[in-house]
Amino acid sequence: MTSHWSMTPRGDMEDVEILPLKEVELRYLAYALSIYPNNREKLAKSLGISLRTLFRKLEVLQKSHPS
């Protein structure tokens, strides 16, 4: 999926692709996981979520974006 936009002379945006919030969350989770690949506790803390919530989200990520 490619996101792009341009401003018209009036300042309106054209050709804006809005991703579903769930997709944005999963992409950010994948990014954060690349920063703390071996430390789930630190990852959860940096995201401001519990370890249990992190594991649930990782399960969703794995199902929707298999390796």
Protein backbone atom coordinates (compact mmCIF):
# COMPACT_ATOMS: atom_id res chain seq x y z
CA MET A 1 0.00 0.00 0.00
CA THR A 2 1.37 3.36 -0.96
CA SER A 3 0.42 6.60 0.70
CA HIS A 4 0.86 9.86 -1.10
CA TRP A 5 -0.73 13.25 -1.19
CA SER A 6 -0.31 16.64 -2.74
CA MET A 7 -1.67 20.01 -1.84
CA THR A 8 -3.89 21.93 -4.23
CA PRO A 9 -3.52 25.71 -4.52
CA ARG A 10 -6.36 26.03 -1.98
CA GLY A 11 -4.49 23.81 0.50
CA ASP A 12 -6.79 20.80 0.15
CA MET A 13 -5.20 17.36 0.05
CA GLU A 14 -5.79 15.17 -2.98
CA ASP A 15 -5.28 11.43 -3.39
CA VAL A 16 -5.06 10.78 0.33
CA GLU A 17 -5.11 7.16 1.35
CA ILE A 18 -6.35 6.68 4.89
CA LEU A 19 -5.30 3.40 6.46
CA PRO A 20 -7.56 1.72 8.99
CA LEU A 21 -6.40 2.49 12.52
CA LYS A 22 -5.87 -1.23 13.22
CA GLU A 23 -3.45 -1.42 10.27
CA VAL A 24 -1.53 1.63 11.51
CA GLU A 25 -1.33 0.06 14.97
CA LEU A 26 -0.04 -3.24 13.59
CA ARG A 27 2.57 -1.51 11.42
CA TYR A 28 3.78 0.52 14.38
CA LEU A 29 3.90 -2.61 16.52
CA ALA A 30 6.05 -4.32 13.88
CA TYR A 31 8.35 -1.27 13.85
CA ALA A 32 8.60 -1.21 17.67
CA LEU A 33 9.31 -4.94 17.66
CA SER A 34 12.31 -4.29 15.42
CA ILE A 35 13.70 -1.94 18.08
CA TYR A 36 13.23 -4.38 20.99
CA PRO A 37 13.22 -7.79 19.27
CA ASN A 38 14.31 -9.75 22.36
CA ASN A 39 12.85 -7.77 25.23
CA ARG A 40 9.05 -8.01 25.38
CA GLU A 41 8.87 -6.33 28.80
CA LYS A 42 10.76 -3.27 27.58
CA LEU A 43 8.68 -3.22 24.40
CA ALA A 44 5.40 -3.32 26.34
CA LYS A 45 6.60 -0.58 28.70
CA SER A 46 7.73 1.64 25.82
CA LEU A 47 4.30 1.22 24.18
CA GLY A 48 2.50 1.93 27.45
CA ILE A 49 0.65 -1.39 27.47
CA SER A 50 0.71 -4.48 29.66
CA LEU A 51 2.73 -7.52 28.73
CA ARG A 52 -0.51 -9.47 28.33
CA THR A 53 -1.88 -6.86 25.89
CA LEU A 54 1.40 -6.94 23.97
CA PHE A 55 1.19 -10.71 23.54
CA ARG A 56 -2.41 -10.44 22.30
CA LYS A 57 -1.40 -7.78 19.78
CA LEU A 58 1.61 -9.81 18.65
CA GLU A 59 -0.70 -12.75 18.04
CA VAL A 60 -2.92 -10.57 15.83
CA LEU A 61 0.17 -9.24 14.04
CA GLN A 62 1.43 -12.75 13.35
CA LYS A 63 -1.95 -13.85 11.97
CA SER A 64 -2.40 -10.82 9.73
CA HIS A 65 1.23 -10.53 8.55
CA PRO A 66 2.73 -14.03 8.50
CA SER A 67 6.49 -14.22 7.89
